[in-house]
Amino acid sequence: MQQPTNQEKVQKEDANTKIAQAKALLTMLLEQKHGTITIKETKEELHKADIGKTAIEQAIKQLGLTTQYDTMPDNTRVYFWVAPTVPKYPSGVV
């Protein structure tokens, strides 16, 4: 079995760092918003921090977040990521 190159090691370390950054940012936002954050705005914040889709997906998985939505009066849906510590349907989210 071939040993990873230095470039491969650096890429893996960068990926792990991005996941850690995503988890830290998600955790901070969840704490500020009492465990429920809108996906659209959160993704914008993560992308501003130069965190990519794969790192975001891994962070969501590692944090155990679930997806829920609320239907607005105009019948549009707003999607949320919800921390596992929040009841299944937090106030205002269905």
N, C-alpha and C. Protein backbone atom coordinates (compact mmCIF):
# COMPACT_ATOMS: atom_id res chain seq x y z
N MET A 1 0.84 -1.19 0.00
CA MET A 1 0.00 0.00 0.00
C MET A 1 0.88 1.24 0.00
N GLN A 2 0.59 2.16 -0.87
CA GLN A 2 1.41 3.36 -1.05
C GLN A 2 1.10 4.41 0.02
N GLN A 3 2.14 5.03 0.55
CA GLN A 3 2.00 6.08 1.54
C GLN A 3 1.44 7.35 0.87
N PRO A 4 0.60 8.10 1.58
CA PRO A 4 0.09 9.34 0.99
C PRO A 4 1.22 10.36 0.78
N THR A 5 1.08 11.13 -0.29
CA THR A 5 2.06 12.17 -0.56
C THR A 5 1.86 13.32 0.41
N ASN A 6 2.83 14.20 0.46
CA ASN A 6 2.71 15.39 1.32
C ASN A 6 1.50 16.22 0.91
N GLN A 7 1.27 16.35 -0.40
CA GLN A 7 0.14 17.12 -0.88
C GLN A 7 -1.18 16.49 -0.42
N GLU A 8 -1.27 15.17 -0.46
CA GLU A 8 -2.48 14.48 0.00
C GLU A 8 -2.68 14.67 1.51
N LYS A 9 -1.59 14.65 2.26
CA LYS A 9 -1.68 14.88 3.70
C LYS A 9 -2.18 16.29 4.00
N VAL A 10 -1.66 17.27 3.27
CA VAL A 10 -2.07 18.66 3.45
C VAL A 10 -3.55 18.83 3.09
N GLN A 11 -3.97 18.20 2.00
CA GLN A 11 -5.37 18.30 1.58
C GLN A 11 -6.30 17.70 2.64
N LYS A 12 -5.90 16.58 3.22
CA LYS A 12 -6.71 15.95 4.26
C LYS A 12 -6.77 16.83 5.50
N GLU A 13 -5.64 17.41 5.89
CA GLU A 13 -5.61 18.31 7.04
C GLU A 13 -6.48 19.54 6.79
N ASP A 14 -6.42 20.08 5.57
CA ASP A 14 -7.27 21.23 5.21
C ASP A 14 -8.74 20.87 5.30
N ALA A 15 -9.09 19.68 4.80
CA ALA A 15 -10.49 19.23 4.85
C ALA A 15 -10.96 19.10 6.29
N ASN A 16 -10.12 18.50 7.14
CA ASN A 16 -10.48 18.36 8.55
C ASN A 16 -10.62 19.72 9.22
N THR A 17 -9.76 20.66 8.85
CA THR A 17 -9.83 22.00 9.41
C THR A 17 -11.13 22.69 8.99
N LYS A 18 -11.52 22.54 7.72
CA LYS A 18 -12.76 23.14 7.23
C LYS A 18 -13.98 22.55 7.93
N ILE A 19 -13.95 21.24 8.17
CA ILE A 19 -15.05 20.61 8.91
C ILE A 19 -15.11 21.16 10.33
N ALA A 20 -13.96 21.29 10.97
CA ALA A 20 -13.91 21.84 12.33
C ALA A 20 -14.41 23.28 12.35
N GLN A 21 -14.04 24.07 11.34
CA GLN A 21 -14.52 25.44 11.25
C GLN A 21 -16.03 25.48 11.06
N ALA A 22 -16.54 24.61 10.19
CA ALA A 22 -17.98 24.55 9.95
C ALA A 22 -18.71 24.17 11.23
N LYS A 23 -18.19 23.17 11.94
CA LYS A 23 -18.83 22.77 13.19
C LYS A 23 -18.83 23.89 14.22
N ALA A 24 -17.72 24.61 14.31
CA ALA A 24 -17.63 25.72 15.27
C ALA A 24 -18.63 26.82 14.92
N LEU A 25 -18.71 27.18 13.65
CA LEU A 25 -19.64 28.23 13.23
C LEU A 25 -21.09 27.78 13.42
N LEU A 26 -21.39 26.55 13.04
CA LEU A 26 -22.75 26.03 13.23
C LEU A 26 -23.12 26.01 14.71
N THR A 27 -22.20 25.56 15.54
CA THR A 27 -22.47 25.50 16.98
C THR A 27 -22.73 26.89 17.54
N MET A 28 -21.93 27.86 17.13
CA MET A 28 -22.12 29.23 17.60
C MET A 28 -23.49 29.76 17.17
N LEU A 29 -23.85 29.56 15.90
CA LEU A 29 -25.14 30.03 15.40
C LEU A 29 -26.30 29.32 16.10
N LEU A 30 -26.16 28.02 16.32
CA LEU A 30 -27.21 27.27 17.02
C LEU A 30 -27.40 27.79 18.44
N GLU A 31 -26.30 28.11 19.11
CA GLU A 31 -26.40 28.64 20.47
C GLU A 31 -27.11 29.99 20.47
N GLN A 32 -26.79 30.83 19.49
CA GLN A 32 -27.41 32.16 19.40
C GLN A 32 -28.91 32.06 19.09
N LYS A 33 -29.29 31.06 18.31
CA LYS A 33 -30.68 30.93 17.86
C LYS A 33 -31.43 29.83 18.60
N HIS A 34 -30.93 29.43 19.75
CA HIS A 34 -31.60 28.44 20.60
C HIS A 34 -31.83 27.10 19.90
N GLY A 35 -30.86 26.68 19.07
CA GLY A 35 -30.87 25.35 18.49
C GLY A 35 -31.54 25.20 17.14
N THR A 36 -32.03 26.30 16.57
CA THR A 36 -32.71 26.23 15.27
C THR A 36 -32.18 27.35 14.38
N ILE A 37 -31.63 26.99 13.22
CA ILE A 37 -31.09 28.00 12.29
C ILE A 37 -31.63 27.76 10.89
N THR A 38 -31.89 28.86 10.18
CA THR A 38 -32.38 28.73 8.81
C THR A 38 -31.23 28.26 7.91
N ILE A 39 -31.54 27.33 7.05
CA ILE A 39 -30.51 26.75 6.20
C ILE A 39 -29.96 27.76 5.21
N LYS A 40 -30.82 28.53 4.56
CA LYS A 40 -30.37 29.46 3.53
C LYS A 40 -29.37 30.47 4.08
N GLU A 41 -29.72 31.14 5.17
CA GLU A 41 -28.82 32.15 5.74
C GLU A 41 -27.56 31.52 6.31
N THR A 42 -27.70 30.34 6.89
CA THR A 42 -26.54 29.67 7.46
C THR A 42 -25.55 29.26 6.38
N LYS A 43 -26.06 28.74 5.27
CA LYS A 43 -25.17 28.37 4.16
C LYS A 43 -24.44 29.61 3.63
N GLU A 44 -25.14 30.74 3.57
CA GLU A 44 -24.49 31.98 3.12
C GLU A 44 -23.34 32.35 4.05
N GLU A 45 -23.56 32.23 5.36
CA GLU A 45 -22.50 32.53 6.34
C GLU A 45 -21.32 31.58 6.18
N LEU A 46 -21.61 30.30 6.02
CA LEU A 46 -20.55 29.31 5.86
C LEU A 46 -19.74 29.55 4.58
N HIS A 47 -20.43 29.90 3.50
CA HIS A 47 -19.72 30.17 2.25
C HIS A 47 -18.88 31.45 2.35
N LYS A 48 -19.36 32.45 3.10
CA LYS A 48 -18.56 33.66 3.33
C LYS A 48 -17.26 33.31 4.06
N ALA A 49 -17.32 32.29 4.89
CA ALA A 49 -16.13 31.83 5.63
C ALA A 49 -15.30 30.87 4.78
N ASP A 50 -15.64 30.73 3.51
CA ASP A 50 -14.92 29.88 2.56
C ASP A 50 -14.96 28.40 2.96
N ILE A 51 -16.13 27.99 3.44
CA ILE A 51 -16.35 26.59 3.80
C ILE A 51 -17.24 25.99 2.73
N GLY A 52 -16.77 24.91 2.12
CA GLY A 52 -17.45 24.29 0.99
C GLY A 52 -18.54 23.30 1.39
N LYS A 53 -19.24 22.85 0.37
CA LYS A 53 -20.39 21.96 0.54
C LYS A 53 -20.05 20.67 1.29
N THR A 54 -18.96 20.03 0.92
CA THR A 54 -18.59 18.76 1.55
C THR A 54 -18.31 18.94 3.04
N ALA A 55 -17.58 19.98 3.38
CA ALA A 55 -17.28 20.25 4.80
C ALA A 55 -18.56 20.55 5.57
N ILE A 56 -19.48 21.29 4.94
CA ILE A 56 -20.76 21.61 5.59
C ILE A 56 -21.54 20.32 5.84
N GLU A 57 -21.62 19.47 4.82
CA GLU A 57 -22.37 18.22 4.96
C GLU A 57 -21.79 17.34 6.06
N GLN A 58 -20.45 17.25 6.13
CA GLN A 58 -19.81 16.46 7.17
C GLN A 58 -20.08 17.05 8.56
N ALA A 59 -20.02 18.36 8.67
CA ALA A 59 -20.26 19.02 9.96
C ALA A 59 -21.71 18.79 10.41
N ILE A 60 -22.66 18.90 9.49
CA ILE A 60 -24.07 18.68 9.81
C ILE A 60 -24.25 17.24 10.33
N LYS A 61 -23.64 16.30 9.64
CA LYS A 61 -23.74 14.89 10.02
C LYS A 61 -23.12 14.66 11.40
N GLN A 62 -21.91 15.21 11.62
CA GLN A 62 -21.22 15.01 12.89
C GLN A 62 -21.96 15.66 14.06
N LEU A 63 -22.63 16.78 13.81
CA LEU A 63 -23.39 17.46 14.86
C LEU A 63 -24.76 16.83 15.09
N GLY A 64 -25.18 15.97 14.18
CA GLY A 64 -26.48 15.30 14.33
C GLY A 64 -27.68 16.20 14.08
N LEU A 65 -27.49 17.23 13.24
CA LEU A 65 -28.58 18.15 12.96
C LEU A 65 -29.63 17.49 12.07
N THR A 66 -30.88 17.87 12.27
CA THR A 66 -31.96 17.40 11.42
C THR A 66 -32.53 18.59 10.64
N THR A 67 -33.27 18.28 9.60
CA THR A 67 -33.89 19.31 8.78
C THR A 67 -35.39 19.32 9.05
N GLN A 68 -35.91 20.51 9.30
CA GLN A 68 -37.34 20.71 9.47
C GLN A 68 -37.73 21.93 8.67
N TYR A 69 -39.02 22.13 8.48
CA TYR A 69 -39.46 23.32 7.76
C TYR A 69 -40.70 23.91 8.39
N ASP A 70 -40.93 25.16 8.07
CA ASP A 70 -42.13 25.89 8.49
C ASP A 70 -42.77 26.43 7.22
N THR A 71 -44.09 26.37 7.14
CA THR A 71 -44.80 26.90 5.98
C THR A 71 -45.27 28.32 6.30
N MET A 72 -44.88 29.24 5.44
CA MET A 72 -45.22 30.65 5.61
C MET A 72 -46.68 30.89 5.14
N PRO A 73 -47.25 32.05 5.49
CA PRO A 73 -48.62 32.36 5.05
C PRO A 73 -48.81 32.30 3.53
N ASP A 74 -47.75 32.56 2.76
CA ASP A 74 -47.86 32.51 1.30
C ASP A 74 -47.57 31.11 0.75
N ASN A 75 -47.58 30.12 1.64
CA ASN A 75 -47.35 28.70 1.31
C ASN A 75 -45.93 28.37 0.87
N THR A 76 -44.98 29.28 1.05
CA THR A 76 -43.58 28.93 0.81
C THR A 76 -43.03 28.26 2.06
N ARG A 77 -42.02 27.44 1.88
CA ARG A 77 -41.42 26.74 3.01
C ARG A 77 -40.07 27.37 3.35
N VAL A 78 -39.81 27.48 4.65
CA VAL A 78 -38.52 27.93 5.14
C VAL A 78 -37.92 26.73 5.88
N TYR A 79 -36.72 26.31 5.45
CA TYR A 79 -36.08 25.13 6.01
C TYR A 79 -35.08 25.51 7.09
N PHE A 80 -35.00 24.67 8.11
CA PHE A 80 -34.14 24.89 9.27
C PHE A 80 -33.28 23.67 9.54
N TRP A 81 -32.09 23.92 10.09
CA TRP A 81 -31.32 22.86 10.71
C TRP A 81 -31.61 22.96 12.19
N VAL A 82 -31.84 21.82 12.82
CA VAL A 82 -32.23 21.80 14.22
C VAL A 82 -31.29 20.88 14.99
N ALA A 83 -30.80 21.39 16.12
CA ALA A 83 -29.91 20.62 16.99
C ALA A 83 -30.68 19.46 17.62
N PRO A 84 -29.99 18.36 17.91
CA PRO A 84 -30.66 17.21 18.51
C PRO A 84 -31.23 17.48 19.90
N THR A 85 -30.80 18.55 20.54
CA THR A 85 -31.28 18.88 21.89
C THR A 85 -32.61 19.63 21.87
N VAL A 86 -33.05 20.05 20.68
CA VAL A 86 -34.30 20.80 20.56
C VAL A 86 -35.44 19.80 20.38
N PRO A 87 -36.61 20.05 21.02
CA PRO A 87 -37.75 19.15 20.82
C PRO A 87 -38.06 19.00 19.33
N LYS A 88 -38.73 17.92 18.98
CA LYS A 88 -38.98 17.61 17.57
C LYS A 88 -39.57 18.79 16.79
N TYR A 89 -40.53 19.48 17.37
CA TYR A 89 -41.13 20.64 16.69
C TYR A 89 -41.03 21.86 17.59
N PRO A 90 -39.92 22.59 17.50
CA PRO A 90 -39.76 23.77 18.35
C PRO A 90 -40.82 24.82 18.02
N SER A 91 -41.04 25.69 18.94
CA SER A 91 -42.03 26.74 18.76
C SER A 91 -41.83 27.48 17.45
N GLY A 92 -42.86 27.51 16.62
CA GLY A 92 -42.80 28.24 15.36
C GLY A 92 -42.24 27.43 14.21
N VAL A 93 -41.81 26.20 14.46
CA VAL A 93 -41.25 25.37 13.38
C VAL A 93 -42.06 24.09 13.29
N VAL A 94 -42.59 23.79 12.12
CA VAL A 94 -43.35 22.56 11.92
C VAL A 94 -42.77 21.82 10.74
